Each structure stands twice: as structure tokens, then as C-alpha cells.
């Protein structure tokens, strides 16, 4: 894992993640507002192509988070070279694939409520594991500062709580814990972009032999 890799694409995708999400939400609100002006009539001809663009934007949003996860996995530091790092990366990969499946389900409409719930749980659960694991590793290695990992861990824990509440039959728990988790994740990602563009930690050289 190479620390200098953090100076590459990771920071820009960390900045892009919250920006893409906010832009996608604003874009969807505009599309729905102008595309369905008459609720009793058919949607405007451009409505469904515009929704396709929204799906692409949301796909870019989740893929940008995966690029950040890959950059974090590339950190070259003895205390980050651990199987837990790969657990975090794998969890984010699962979350990304599940989110893309969720978007596809919205287009194709498989008609399975169980599939939708399972996909959402995989998205939130994978993101939760990724955030908790990667921030614990970063905190242990001292690479992400004192407060950024705490924010990430809290966000990840909320994602996991939202999944647990859904599995317990408390469907409203997904919104109760999931919305704050997502908000904290977006703040964490933007903050991480500044952190990754900062000065890399100086490696302590071994003492010269006497």
C-alpha cells in the first residue's frame, strides 16, 4: 500500500462524493417538478431520459466512494497493512454493487419487495462496515487526525444500526438512523478530501548505527 497514492485521485473523488449526491438530489427534484406538472396526464417526453441521467449521476456518486476506499487501501504504513483494511475495502465493494443493483431494480422493477429490502441492507451494512473498519485502522495508524475517524466511525455505526432496526422489523429505523448516517458520511468524505491533500506523515528513520 503506497501513501503517495493518496495524493492522486482519492482526494478529488472524496470531494466529488458529497457534491455529486447534493447535485443528484437537486436534479431529481427539478425533474419531478417539471416533468409531472399535470398529475392526471402523461409525463413530459423528456421525463424518462432525464431520470436515466439521474441514475447515472447516482451511479457516479457511489462509484466515487469506492475509488476513495481503494485509495485508502493503498496507504503504505505498517499499521494499515492488515487484513482489516481489506475487509473494509471488500465491504465498500459490496455496498457499491448493491447500490447499483438497487438503481437497476428501480428501472427494471423486478417486483420483489424482499430483494429491495435485502439490497438496501447490503448498501447500508457494507458502508457501515467500511466506515467503522477503515476509520479504526486510520485512527490506530494516526493517519487521519484525531476527529475525522471519530466522525467516520459514528457514521458507520449509524448505518449498521439502521440495518439492525430493519432486520428487527422496525422499518422506520432505516430513516431514523440512515439519514443522519448519510449526512455524516458526506461530511466525512468532504473532510477526508482536505485530509488526503494535506502533508503526508513523515516516516521515522531508524537510528544510525554507532
N, C-alpha and C. Protein backbone atom coordinates (compact mmCIF):
# COMPACT_ATOMS: atom_id res chain seq x y z
N UNK A 1 0.84 -1.20 0.00
CA UNK A 1 0.00 0.00 0.00
C UNK A 1 0.88 1.25 0.00
N UNK A 2 0.64 2.20 -0.89
CA UNK A 2 1.51 3.35 -1.04
C UNK A 2 0.82 4.61 -0.53
N UNK A 3 1.49 5.30 0.38
CA UNK A 3 0.92 6.52 0.94
C UNK A 3 0.80 7.60 -0.12
N UNK A 4 1.77 7.67 -1.06
CA UNK A 4 1.71 8.71 -2.09
C UNK A 4 0.48 8.58 -2.98
N UNK A 5 -0.14 7.41 -2.99
CA UNK A 5 -1.33 7.23 -3.81
C UNK A 5 -2.46 8.12 -3.33
N UNK A 6 -2.40 8.52 -2.07
CA UNK A 6 -3.42 9.43 -1.55
C UNK A 6 -3.34 10.80 -2.21
N UNK A 7 -2.19 11.13 -2.81
CA UNK A 7 -2.06 12.41 -3.49
C UNK A 7 -2.64 12.36 -4.90
N UNK A 8 -3.17 11.21 -5.33
CA UNK A 8 -3.70 11.06 -6.67
C UNK A 8 -5.17 11.37 -6.76
N UNK A 9 -5.96 10.38 -7.13
CA UNK A 9 -7.37 10.60 -7.40
C UNK A 9 -8.23 10.58 -6.14
N UNK A 10 -7.77 9.95 -5.08
CA UNK A 10 -8.58 9.82 -3.87
C UNK A 10 -9.15 11.12 -3.35
N UNK A 11 -8.33 12.17 -3.18
CA UNK A 11 -8.87 13.43 -2.64
C UNK A 11 -9.97 14.02 -3.50
N UNK A 12 -9.78 13.98 -4.82
CA UNK A 12 -10.78 14.60 -5.70
C UNK A 12 -12.09 13.83 -5.67
N UNK A 13 -12.00 12.52 -5.60
CA UNK A 13 -13.23 11.73 -5.51
C UNK A 13 -13.88 11.89 -4.14
N UNK A 14 -13.07 12.13 -3.10
CA UNK A 14 -13.63 12.40 -1.77
C UNK A 14 -14.43 13.69 -1.78
N UNK A 15 -13.90 14.71 -2.49
CA UNK A 15 -14.66 15.95 -2.66
C UNK A 15 -15.90 15.73 -3.52
N UNK A 16 -15.74 14.91 -4.57
CA UNK A 16 -16.83 14.73 -5.54
C UNK A 16 -18.02 13.98 -4.95
N UNK A 17 -17.77 13.09 -3.98
CA UNK A 17 -18.85 12.26 -3.44
C UNK A 17 -20.01 13.08 -2.89
N UNK A 18 -19.80 14.01 -1.94
CA UNK A 18 -20.94 14.79 -1.45
C UNK A 18 -21.49 15.75 -2.49
N UNK A 19 -20.62 16.28 -3.35
CA UNK A 19 -21.09 17.21 -4.38
C UNK A 19 -22.02 16.49 -5.36
N UNK A 20 -21.64 15.28 -5.76
CA UNK A 20 -22.48 14.51 -6.67
C UNK A 20 -23.82 14.17 -6.04
N UNK A 21 -23.80 13.85 -4.74
CA UNK A 21 -25.06 13.50 -4.08
C UNK A 21 -25.99 14.70 -4.01
N UNK A 22 -25.48 15.85 -3.58
CA UNK A 22 -26.32 17.05 -3.48
C UNK A 22 -26.84 17.45 -4.85
N UNK A 23 -25.98 17.39 -5.86
CA UNK A 23 -26.40 17.75 -7.21
C UNK A 23 -27.47 16.78 -7.72
N UNK A 24 -27.30 15.48 -7.42
CA UNK A 24 -28.26 14.47 -7.87
C UNK A 24 -29.63 14.69 -7.24
N UNK A 25 -29.66 15.01 -5.95
CA UNK A 25 -30.93 15.25 -5.26
C UNK A 25 -31.62 16.49 -5.82
N UNK A 26 -30.85 17.57 -6.01
CA UNK A 26 -31.43 18.80 -6.57
C UNK A 26 -31.93 18.56 -7.99
N UNK A 27 -31.16 17.81 -8.77
CA UNK A 27 -31.55 17.50 -10.14
C UNK A 27 -32.85 16.69 -10.17
N UNK A 28 -32.96 15.69 -9.28
CA UNK A 28 -34.17 14.86 -9.25
C UNK A 28 -35.39 15.70 -8.88
N UNK A 29 -35.23 16.61 -7.92
CA UNK A 29 -36.35 17.46 -7.53
C UNK A 29 -36.83 18.30 -8.70
N UNK A 30 -35.90 18.83 -9.50
CA UNK A 30 -36.28 19.63 -10.66
C UNK A 30 -36.97 18.78 -11.72
N UNK A 31 -36.44 17.58 -11.95
CA UNK A 31 -37.02 16.69 -12.96
C UNK A 31 -38.45 16.32 -12.57
N UNK A 32 -38.66 15.95 -11.31
CA UNK A 32 -40.00 15.56 -10.86
C UNK A 32 -40.95 16.76 -10.91
N UNK A 33 -40.46 17.93 -10.54
CA UNK A 33 -41.31 19.12 -10.50
C UNK A 33 -41.80 19.52 -11.89
N UNK A 34 -40.87 19.51 -12.87
CA UNK A 34 -41.23 19.99 -14.20
C UNK A 34 -41.73 18.86 -15.11
N UNK A 35 -41.38 17.62 -14.78
CA UNK A 35 -41.77 16.51 -15.64
C UNK A 35 -43.17 16.03 -15.40
N UNK A 36 -43.68 16.25 -14.21
CA UNK A 36 -45.03 15.81 -13.86
C UNK A 36 -45.89 17.01 -13.46
N UNK A 37 -45.90 18.02 -14.30
CA UNK A 37 -46.67 19.22 -13.98
C UNK A 37 -48.15 18.93 -13.85
N UNK A 38 -48.67 18.02 -14.68
CA UNK A 38 -50.08 17.64 -14.62
C UNK A 38 -50.16 16.19 -14.11
N UNK A 39 -50.52 15.99 -12.83
CA UNK A 39 -50.53 14.63 -12.27
C UNK A 39 -51.47 13.69 -12.98
N UNK A 40 -52.53 14.23 -13.64
CA UNK A 40 -53.51 13.36 -14.30
C UNK A 40 -53.09 13.00 -15.72
N UNK A 41 -52.12 13.72 -16.26
CA UNK A 41 -51.70 13.46 -17.63
C UNK A 41 -50.40 12.68 -17.70
N UNK A 42 -49.98 12.32 -18.89
CA UNK A 42 -48.72 11.60 -19.05
C UNK A 42 -47.54 12.51 -18.77
N UNK A 43 -46.41 11.94 -18.35
CA UNK A 43 -45.22 12.76 -18.11
C UNK A 43 -44.69 13.35 -19.41
N UNK A 44 -43.87 14.38 -19.27
CA UNK A 44 -43.28 15.02 -20.44
C UNK A 44 -42.40 14.01 -21.19
N UNK A 45 -42.22 14.19 -22.51
CA UNK A 45 -41.42 13.23 -23.30
C UNK A 45 -39.99 13.08 -22.80
N UNK A 46 -39.45 14.14 -22.20
CA UNK A 46 -38.07 14.09 -21.76
C UNK A 46 -37.92 13.55 -20.34
N UNK A 47 -39.05 13.18 -19.68
CA UNK A 47 -39.01 12.82 -18.27
C UNK A 47 -38.16 11.57 -18.03
N UNK A 48 -38.41 10.51 -18.78
CA UNK A 48 -37.69 9.26 -18.54
C UNK A 48 -36.21 9.35 -18.96
N UNK A 49 -35.87 10.00 -20.08
CA UNK A 49 -34.43 10.22 -20.34
C UNK A 49 -33.75 11.02 -19.25
N UNK A 50 -34.48 12.00 -18.68
CA UNK A 50 -33.90 12.79 -17.59
C UNK A 50 -33.67 11.92 -16.35
N UNK A 51 -34.60 10.97 -16.10
CA UNK A 51 -34.41 10.05 -14.99
C UNK A 51 -33.20 9.15 -15.22
N UNK A 52 -32.96 8.78 -16.48
CA UNK A 52 -31.78 7.97 -16.80
C UNK A 52 -30.50 8.72 -16.44
N UNK A 53 -30.48 10.01 -16.72
CA UNK A 53 -29.32 10.83 -16.34
C UNK A 53 -29.16 10.83 -14.83
N UNK A 54 -30.28 10.89 -14.10
CA UNK A 54 -30.20 10.86 -12.64
C UNK A 54 -29.61 9.54 -12.14
N UNK A 55 -30.01 8.43 -12.75
CA UNK A 55 -29.46 7.13 -12.37
C UNK A 55 -27.95 7.11 -12.61
N UNK A 56 -27.51 7.70 -13.70
CA UNK A 56 -26.08 7.75 -13.99
C UNK A 56 -25.34 8.61 -12.95
N UNK A 57 -25.96 9.73 -12.56
CA UNK A 57 -25.35 10.58 -11.54
C UNK A 57 -25.22 9.84 -10.21
N UNK A 58 -26.26 9.11 -9.82
CA UNK A 58 -26.20 8.36 -8.57
C UNK A 58 -25.18 7.23 -8.65
N UNK A 59 -25.03 6.64 -9.83
CA UNK A 59 -24.01 5.61 -10.02
C UNK A 59 -22.62 6.21 -9.84
N UNK A 60 -22.41 7.40 -10.40
CA UNK A 60 -21.12 8.07 -10.23
C UNK A 60 -20.88 8.40 -8.77
N UNK A 61 -21.95 8.77 -8.05
CA UNK A 61 -21.83 9.09 -6.62
C UNK A 61 -21.28 7.90 -5.85
N UNK A 62 -21.87 6.73 -6.03
CA UNK A 62 -21.45 5.58 -5.25
C UNK A 62 -20.10 5.05 -5.74
N UNK A 63 -19.82 5.15 -7.05
CA UNK A 63 -18.53 4.71 -7.55
C UNK A 63 -17.40 5.61 -7.07
N UNK A 64 -17.67 6.89 -6.89
CA UNK A 64 -16.64 7.79 -6.37
C UNK A 64 -16.27 7.40 -4.95
N UNK A 65 -17.25 6.94 -4.16
CA UNK A 65 -16.94 6.45 -2.82
C UNK A 65 -16.06 5.22 -2.85
N UNK A 66 -16.25 4.36 -3.85
CA UNK A 66 -15.41 3.16 -3.98
C UNK A 66 -13.98 3.53 -4.35
N UNK A 67 -13.81 4.54 -5.20
CA UNK A 67 -12.45 4.99 -5.56
C UNK A 67 -11.72 5.49 -4.31
N UNK A 68 -12.42 6.22 -3.45
CA UNK A 68 -11.81 6.69 -2.20
C UNK A 68 -11.41 5.50 -1.34
N UNK A 69 -12.26 4.48 -1.27
CA UNK A 69 -11.95 3.29 -0.49
C UNK A 69 -10.70 2.59 -1.01
N UNK A 70 -10.57 2.53 -2.34
CA UNK A 70 -9.39 1.90 -2.93
C UNK A 70 -8.14 2.69 -2.61
N UNK A 71 -8.21 4.01 -2.66
CA UNK A 71 -7.05 4.84 -2.31
C UNK A 71 -6.67 4.65 -0.85
N UNK A 72 -7.66 4.57 0.03
CA UNK A 72 -7.36 4.35 1.44
C UNK A 72 -6.69 2.98 1.64
N UNK A 73 -7.08 2.00 0.85
CA UNK A 73 -6.48 0.68 0.98
C UNK A 73 -5.03 0.69 0.54
N UNK A 74 -4.65 1.68 -0.30
CA UNK A 74 -3.29 1.73 -0.82
C UNK A 74 -2.31 2.43 0.11
N UNK A 75 -2.73 2.86 1.27
CA UNK A 75 -1.80 3.56 2.17
C UNK A 75 -0.67 2.61 2.57
N UNK A 76 0.55 3.06 2.40
CA UNK A 76 1.69 2.22 2.80
C UNK A 76 2.12 2.62 4.20
N UNK A 77 1.73 1.83 5.15
CA UNK A 77 2.07 2.09 6.55
C UNK A 77 1.99 0.76 7.27
N UNK A 78 2.98 0.45 8.13
CA UNK A 78 2.96 -0.86 8.80
C UNK A 78 1.67 -1.14 9.56
N UNK A 79 1.04 -0.13 10.11
CA UNK A 79 -0.14 -0.35 10.94
C UNK A 79 -1.43 -0.37 10.14
N UNK A 80 -1.33 -0.10 8.84
CA UNK A 80 -2.52 -0.24 7.99
C UNK A 80 -2.42 -1.48 7.11
N UNK A 81 -1.27 -2.11 7.11
CA UNK A 81 -1.10 -3.33 6.33
C UNK A 81 -1.66 -4.50 7.12
N UNK A 82 -2.97 -4.59 7.16
CA UNK A 82 -3.67 -5.56 7.99
C UNK A 82 -4.86 -6.12 7.22
N UNK A 83 -5.25 -7.36 7.51
CA UNK A 83 -6.44 -7.91 6.82
C UNK A 83 -7.69 -7.07 7.03
N UNK A 84 -7.76 -6.32 8.13
CA UNK A 84 -8.94 -5.49 8.38
C UNK A 84 -9.13 -4.44 7.29
N UNK A 85 -8.01 -3.97 6.72
CA UNK A 85 -8.10 -2.99 5.65
C UNK A 85 -8.83 -3.58 4.45
N UNK A 86 -8.53 -4.83 4.15
CA UNK A 86 -9.17 -5.49 3.01
C UNK A 86 -10.63 -5.83 3.33
N UNK A 87 -10.94 -6.05 4.59
CA UNK A 87 -12.33 -6.24 4.99
C UNK A 87 -13.13 -4.97 4.69
N UNK A 88 -12.55 -3.82 5.05
CA UNK A 88 -13.21 -2.54 4.78
C UNK A 88 -13.40 -2.30 3.30
N UNK A 89 -12.36 -2.58 2.52
CA UNK A 89 -12.46 -2.38 1.07
C UNK A 89 -13.51 -3.32 0.47
N UNK A 90 -13.50 -4.58 0.90
CA UNK A 90 -14.49 -5.53 0.40
C UNK A 90 -15.90 -5.13 0.76
N UNK A 91 -16.09 -4.59 1.97
CA UNK A 91 -17.43 -4.14 2.39
C UNK A 91 -17.91 -2.99 1.51
N UNK A 92 -17.01 -2.07 1.17
CA UNK A 92 -17.41 -0.95 0.30
C UNK A 92 -17.73 -1.44 -1.10
N UNK A 93 -16.99 -2.45 -1.57
CA UNK A 93 -17.28 -3.02 -2.89
C UNK A 93 -18.67 -3.66 -2.91
N UNK A 94 -19.02 -4.38 -1.83
CA UNK A 94 -20.35 -4.98 -1.72
C UNK A 94 -21.42 -3.90 -1.70
N UNK A 95 -21.18 -2.83 -0.93
CA UNK A 95 -22.13 -1.74 -0.85
C UNK A 95 -22.34 -1.08 -2.21
N UNK A 96 -21.24 -0.91 -2.96
CA UNK A 96 -21.33 -0.28 -4.28
C UNK A 96 -22.13 -1.14 -5.25
N UNK A 97 -21.83 -2.43 -5.29
CA UNK A 97 -22.55 -3.33 -6.19
C UNK A 97 -24.03 -3.41 -5.82
N UNK A 98 -24.31 -3.43 -4.51
CA UNK A 98 -25.71 -3.48 -4.06
C UNK A 98 -26.45 -2.21 -4.44
N UNK A 99 -25.78 -1.07 -4.35
CA UNK A 99 -26.42 0.20 -4.71
C UNK A 99 -26.73 0.24 -6.20
N UNK A 100 -25.79 -0.26 -7.02
CA UNK A 100 -26.05 -0.31 -8.46
C UNK A 100 -27.21 -1.25 -8.77
N UNK A 101 -27.30 -2.36 -8.02
CA UNK A 101 -28.44 -3.27 -8.19
C UNK A 101 -29.74 -2.58 -7.78
N UNK A 102 -29.67 -1.78 -6.72
CA UNK A 102 -30.85 -1.04 -6.26
C UNK A 102 -31.32 -0.06 -7.34
N UNK A 103 -30.38 0.62 -7.97
CA UNK A 103 -30.75 1.53 -9.05
C UNK A 103 -31.34 0.76 -10.23
N UNK A 104 -30.74 -0.39 -10.54
CA UNK A 104 -31.26 -1.20 -11.64
C UNK A 104 -32.66 -1.70 -11.33
N UNK A 105 -32.91 -2.05 -10.08
CA UNK A 105 -34.24 -2.51 -9.69
C UNK A 105 -35.28 -1.40 -9.90
N UNK A 106 -34.84 -0.14 -9.68
CA UNK A 106 -35.76 0.97 -9.90
C UNK A 106 -36.13 1.14 -11.37
N UNK A 107 -35.24 0.70 -12.27
CA UNK A 107 -35.51 0.82 -13.70
C UNK A 107 -36.28 -0.39 -14.20
N UNK A 108 -35.80 -1.60 -13.84
CA UNK A 108 -36.38 -2.83 -14.36
C UNK A 108 -37.64 -3.23 -13.60
N UNK A 109 -37.67 -2.92 -12.29
CA UNK A 109 -38.79 -3.27 -11.42
C UNK A 109 -39.01 -4.79 -11.39
N UNK A 110 -38.12 -5.46 -10.63
CA UNK A 110 -38.21 -6.91 -10.51
C UNK A 110 -39.47 -7.34 -9.76
N UNK A 111 -40.09 -6.43 -9.02
CA UNK A 111 -41.33 -6.75 -8.33
C UNK A 111 -41.15 -7.55 -7.06
N UNK A 112 -39.97 -7.52 -6.48
CA UNK A 112 -39.71 -8.28 -5.26
C UNK A 112 -39.37 -7.31 -4.14
N UNK A 113 -40.29 -7.17 -3.17
CA UNK A 113 -40.03 -6.29 -2.03
C UNK A 113 -38.88 -6.81 -1.19
N UNK A 114 -38.74 -8.14 -1.10
CA UNK A 114 -37.65 -8.73 -0.33
C UNK A 114 -36.30 -8.39 -0.93
N UNK A 115 -36.23 -8.39 -2.26
CA UNK A 115 -34.98 -8.04 -2.93
C UNK A 115 -34.61 -6.59 -2.65
N UNK A 116 -35.60 -5.71 -2.66
CA UNK A 116 -35.33 -4.29 -2.38
C UNK A 116 -34.80 -4.11 -0.97
N UNK A 117 -35.45 -4.76 0.01
CA UNK A 117 -35.01 -4.64 1.40
C UNK A 117 -33.61 -5.22 1.58
N UNK A 118 -33.36 -6.39 0.97
CA UNK A 118 -32.05 -7.02 1.08
C UNK A 118 -30.97 -6.14 0.46
N UNK A 119 -31.29 -5.53 -0.67
CA UNK A 119 -30.32 -4.66 -1.34
C UNK A 119 -30.00 -3.44 -0.50
N UNK A 120 -31.03 -2.81 0.07
CA UNK A 120 -30.81 -1.64 0.91
C UNK A 120 -29.98 -2.00 2.13
N UNK A 121 -30.25 -3.17 2.72
CA UNK A 121 -29.47 -3.61 3.88
C UNK A 121 -28.01 -3.85 3.51
N UNK A 122 -27.76 -4.39 2.32
CA UNK A 122 -26.39 -4.60 1.87
C UNK A 122 -25.68 -3.26 1.63
N UNK A 123 -26.41 -2.30 1.08
CA UNK A 123 -25.83 -0.97 0.85
C UNK A 123 -25.43 -0.34 2.18
N UNK A 124 -26.37 -0.28 3.12
CA UNK A 124 -26.10 0.36 4.41
C UNK A 124 -25.12 -0.45 5.24
N UNK A 125 -25.27 -1.79 5.23
CA UNK A 125 -24.37 -2.62 6.01
C UNK A 125 -22.95 -2.57 5.51
N UNK A 126 -22.77 -2.64 4.18
CA UNK A 126 -21.43 -2.56 3.62
C UNK A 126 -20.77 -1.22 3.90
N UNK A 127 -21.53 -0.13 3.74
CA UNK A 127 -20.99 1.20 4.03
C UNK A 127 -20.63 1.34 5.51
N UNK A 128 -21.48 0.76 6.38
CA UNK A 128 -21.20 0.84 7.81
C UNK A 128 -19.93 0.11 8.19
N UNK A 129 -19.77 -1.11 7.69
CA UNK A 129 -18.55 -1.87 7.99
C UNK A 129 -17.32 -1.14 7.46
N UNK A 130 -17.42 -0.64 6.23
CA UNK A 130 -16.30 0.10 5.63
C UNK A 130 -15.89 1.29 6.47
N UNK A 131 -16.86 2.10 6.87
CA UNK A 131 -16.54 3.30 7.64
C UNK A 131 -15.95 2.97 9.00
N UNK A 132 -16.53 2.00 9.68
CA UNK A 132 -16.02 1.65 11.01
C UNK A 132 -14.61 1.08 10.91
N UNK A 133 -14.41 0.13 10.01
CA UNK A 133 -13.12 -0.55 9.91
C UNK A 133 -12.02 0.40 9.44
N UNK A 134 -12.27 1.13 8.35
CA UNK A 134 -11.22 1.98 7.78
C UNK A 134 -10.86 3.12 8.72
N UNK A 135 -11.83 3.64 9.45
CA UNK A 135 -11.52 4.73 10.38
C UNK A 135 -10.82 4.21 11.64
N UNK A 136 -11.16 3.00 12.06
CA UNK A 136 -10.42 2.41 13.18
C UNK A 136 -8.97 2.16 12.80
N UNK A 137 -8.75 1.66 11.58
CA UNK A 137 -7.39 1.43 11.11
C UNK A 137 -6.64 2.75 10.98
N UNK A 138 -7.32 3.77 10.40
CA UNK A 138 -6.68 5.08 10.26
C UNK A 138 -6.37 5.73 11.59
N UNK A 139 -7.28 5.56 12.57
CA UNK A 139 -7.05 6.11 13.91
C UNK A 139 -5.86 5.42 14.57
N UNK A 140 -5.81 4.10 14.43
CA UNK A 140 -4.73 3.32 15.04
C UNK A 140 -3.37 3.70 14.44
N UNK A 141 -3.36 3.99 13.13
CA UNK A 141 -2.11 4.36 12.47
C UNK A 141 -1.78 5.84 12.62
N UNK A 142 -2.75 6.64 13.09
CA UNK A 142 -2.51 8.07 13.26
C UNK A 142 -2.42 8.82 11.95
N UNK A 143 -3.13 8.34 10.91
CA UNK A 143 -3.00 8.94 9.58
C UNK A 143 -4.12 9.92 9.25
N UNK A 144 -5.23 9.86 9.97
CA UNK A 144 -6.39 10.68 9.61
C UNK A 144 -6.71 11.76 10.63
N UNK A 145 -5.82 12.01 11.58
CA UNK A 145 -6.09 13.01 12.59
C UNK A 145 -6.96 12.46 13.71
N UNK A 146 -7.23 13.27 14.73
CA UNK A 146 -7.97 12.76 15.90
C UNK A 146 -9.49 12.70 15.72
N UNK A 147 -10.08 13.63 14.96
CA UNK A 147 -11.54 13.74 14.94
C UNK A 147 -12.19 13.17 13.70
N UNK A 148 -11.49 13.18 12.59
CA UNK A 148 -12.06 12.64 11.35
C UNK A 148 -12.45 11.16 11.50
N UNK A 149 -11.59 10.31 12.09
CA UNK A 149 -12.01 8.91 12.28
C UNK A 149 -13.22 8.76 13.18
N UNK A 150 -13.33 9.61 14.19
CA UNK A 150 -14.49 9.53 15.09
C UNK A 150 -15.77 9.80 14.31
N UNK A 151 -15.74 10.81 13.45
CA UNK A 151 -16.90 11.13 12.63
C UNK A 151 -17.26 9.95 11.73
N UNK A 152 -16.25 9.33 11.13
CA UNK A 152 -16.49 8.20 10.26
C UNK A 152 -17.04 6.99 11.00
N UNK A 153 -16.52 6.75 12.20
CA UNK A 153 -16.99 5.61 12.99
C UNK A 153 -18.44 5.81 13.42
N UNK A 154 -18.79 7.02 13.83
CA UNK A 154 -20.17 7.31 14.22
C UNK A 154 -21.11 7.12 13.03
N UNK A 155 -20.69 7.61 11.85
CA UNK A 155 -21.50 7.43 10.65
C UNK A 155 -21.68 5.95 10.34
N UNK A 156 -20.60 5.20 10.38
CA UNK A 156 -20.68 3.77 10.11
C UNK A 156 -21.55 3.03 11.10
N UNK A 157 -21.43 3.40 12.38
CA UNK A 157 -22.25 2.75 13.40
C UNK A 157 -23.73 3.03 13.17
N UNK A 158 -24.07 4.24 12.74
CA UNK A 158 -25.46 4.57 12.46
C UNK A 158 -25.99 3.77 11.27
N UNK A 159 -25.15 3.58 10.25
CA UNK A 159 -25.56 2.74 9.13
C UNK A 159 -25.88 1.32 9.61
N UNK A 160 -25.03 0.78 10.47
CA UNK A 160 -25.25 -0.57 10.98
C UNK A 160 -26.49 -0.64 11.87
N UNK A 161 -26.73 0.41 12.65
CA UNK A 161 -27.93 0.46 13.49
C UNK A 161 -29.18 0.46 12.61
N UNK A 162 -29.13 1.20 11.50
CA UNK A 162 -30.29 1.25 10.60
C UNK A 162 -30.60 -0.13 10.03
N UNK A 163 -29.55 -0.88 9.68
CA UNK A 163 -29.76 -2.24 9.17
C UNK A 163 -30.34 -3.13 10.27
N UNK A 164 -29.81 -3.01 11.48
CA UNK A 164 -30.29 -3.83 12.60
C UNK A 164 -31.76 -3.56 12.88
N UNK A 165 -32.15 -2.31 12.82
CA UNK A 165 -33.55 -1.96 13.09
C UNK A 165 -34.48 -2.52 12.02
N UNK A 166 -34.02 -2.51 10.76
CA UNK A 166 -34.83 -3.10 9.69
C UNK A 166 -34.97 -4.60 9.89
N UNK A 167 -33.86 -5.27 10.25
CA UNK A 167 -33.91 -6.71 10.48
C UNK A 167 -34.81 -7.06 11.67
N UNK A 168 -34.96 -6.13 12.61
CA UNK A 168 -35.83 -6.34 13.76
C UNK A 168 -37.29 -6.00 13.44
N UNK A 169 -37.54 -5.59 12.21
CA UNK A 169 -38.90 -5.26 11.82
C UNK A 169 -39.29 -3.82 12.03
N UNK A 170 -38.32 -2.99 12.38
CA UNK A 170 -38.59 -1.56 12.59
C UNK A 170 -38.19 -0.81 11.33
N UNK A 171 -39.06 -0.82 10.34
CA UNK A 171 -38.74 -0.22 9.05
C UNK A 171 -38.38 1.25 9.13
N UNK A 172 -39.01 1.96 10.06
CA UNK A 172 -38.72 3.39 10.19
C UNK A 172 -37.30 3.64 10.68
N UNK A 173 -36.65 2.60 11.21
CA UNK A 173 -35.28 2.76 11.69
C UNK A 173 -34.30 3.08 10.59
N UNK A 174 -34.62 2.65 9.35
CA UNK A 174 -33.75 2.96 8.24
C UNK A 174 -33.64 4.46 8.04
N UNK A 175 -34.76 5.16 8.15
CA UNK A 175 -34.72 6.61 8.01
C UNK A 175 -34.19 7.27 9.28
N UNK A 176 -34.59 6.76 10.44
CA UNK A 176 -34.20 7.37 11.71
C UNK A 176 -32.69 7.39 11.89
N UNK A 177 -32.03 6.28 11.56
CA UNK A 177 -30.58 6.20 11.70
C UNK A 177 -29.87 6.41 10.37
N UNK A 178 -30.53 6.04 9.27
CA UNK A 178 -29.86 6.10 7.98
C UNK A 178 -29.63 7.51 7.46
N UNK A 179 -30.60 8.40 7.69
CA UNK A 179 -30.43 9.77 7.19
C UNK A 179 -29.28 10.49 7.90
N UNK A 180 -29.20 10.46 9.24
CA UNK A 180 -28.03 11.07 9.88
C UNK A 180 -26.73 10.39 9.47
N UNK A 181 -26.76 9.06 9.27
CA UNK A 181 -25.56 8.34 8.85
C UNK A 181 -25.08 8.85 7.50
N UNK A 182 -26.01 9.03 6.56
CA UNK A 182 -25.65 9.53 5.24
C UNK A 182 -25.11 10.95 5.31
N UNK A 183 -25.74 11.79 6.12
CA UNK A 183 -25.28 13.18 6.25
C UNK A 183 -23.86 13.22 6.81
N UNK A 184 -23.60 12.42 7.84
CA UNK A 184 -22.26 12.38 8.43
C UNK A 184 -21.25 11.80 7.45
N UNK A 185 -21.67 10.82 6.66
CA UNK A 185 -20.77 10.24 5.66
C UNK A 185 -20.36 11.29 4.63
N UNK A 186 -21.30 12.13 4.18
CA UNK A 186 -20.99 13.16 3.20
C UNK A 186 -20.02 14.18 3.79
N UNK A 187 -20.23 14.57 5.05
CA UNK A 187 -19.31 15.49 5.72
C UNK A 187 -17.94 14.83 5.87
N UNK A 188 -17.92 13.56 6.28
CA UNK A 188 -16.67 12.82 6.44
C UNK A 188 -15.89 12.76 5.14
N UNK A 189 -16.59 12.48 4.04
CA UNK A 189 -15.92 12.37 2.75
C UNK A 189 -15.30 13.70 2.33
N UNK A 190 -16.05 14.80 2.50
CA UNK A 190 -15.53 16.11 2.11
C UNK A 190 -14.32 16.48 2.97
N UNK A 191 -14.42 16.22 4.27
CA UNK A 191 -13.32 16.50 5.19
C UNK A 191 -12.11 15.62 4.82
N UNK A 192 -12.37 14.37 4.46
CA UNK A 192 -11.30 13.45 4.08
C UNK A 192 -10.54 13.98 2.87
N UNK A 193 -11.24 14.63 1.94
CA UNK A 193 -10.56 15.20 0.78
C UNK A 193 -9.49 16.19 1.19
N UNK A 194 -9.79 17.06 2.15
CA UNK A 194 -8.78 18.01 2.65
C UNK A 194 -7.65 17.25 3.35
N UNK A 195 -8.02 16.22 4.11
CA UNK A 195 -7.00 15.47 4.86
C UNK A 195 -6.04 14.75 3.91
N UNK A 196 -6.56 14.17 2.85
CA UNK A 196 -5.72 13.44 1.92
C UNK A 196 -4.84 14.36 1.08
N UNK A 197 -5.27 15.60 0.93
CA UNK A 197 -4.43 16.55 0.20
C UNK A 197 -3.41 17.22 1.08
N UNK A 198 -3.47 16.93 2.38
CA UNK A 198 -2.51 17.52 3.31
C UNK A 198 -1.16 16.84 3.24
N UNK A 199 -0.29 17.28 4.09
CA UNK A 199 1.08 16.75 4.13
C UNK A 199 1.06 15.33 4.66
N UNK A 200 1.75 14.44 3.95
CA UNK A 200 1.82 13.05 4.38
C UNK A 200 2.67 12.93 5.64
N UNK A 201 2.34 11.98 6.51
CA UNK A 201 3.14 11.78 7.72
C UNK A 201 4.57 11.42 7.38
N UNK A 202 5.51 11.98 8.14
CA UNK A 202 6.92 11.72 7.91
C UNK A 202 7.30 10.41 8.56
N UNK A 203 7.89 9.51 7.79
CA UNK A 203 8.28 8.23 8.32
C UNK A 203 9.53 8.39 9.16
N UNK A 204 9.51 7.82 10.35
CA UNK A 204 10.65 7.92 11.26
C UNK A 204 11.73 6.97 10.80
N UNK A 205 12.90 7.51 10.54
CA UNK A 205 14.01 6.67 10.08
C UNK A 205 14.67 5.99 11.25
N UNK A 206 15.26 4.86 11.00
CA UNK A 206 15.94 4.11 12.05
C UNK A 206 17.19 4.85 12.48
N UNK A 207 17.54 4.71 13.73
CA UNK A 207 18.71 5.40 14.25
C UNK A 207 19.97 4.86 13.59
N UNK A 208 20.88 5.74 13.28
CA UNK A 208 22.12 5.35 12.61
C UNK A 208 22.97 4.55 13.58
N UNK A 209 23.64 3.48 13.09
CA UNK A 209 24.48 2.67 13.96
C UNK A 209 25.68 3.46 14.49
N UNK A 210 26.03 3.23 15.69
CA UNK A 210 27.16 3.94 16.28
C UNK A 210 28.43 3.12 16.11
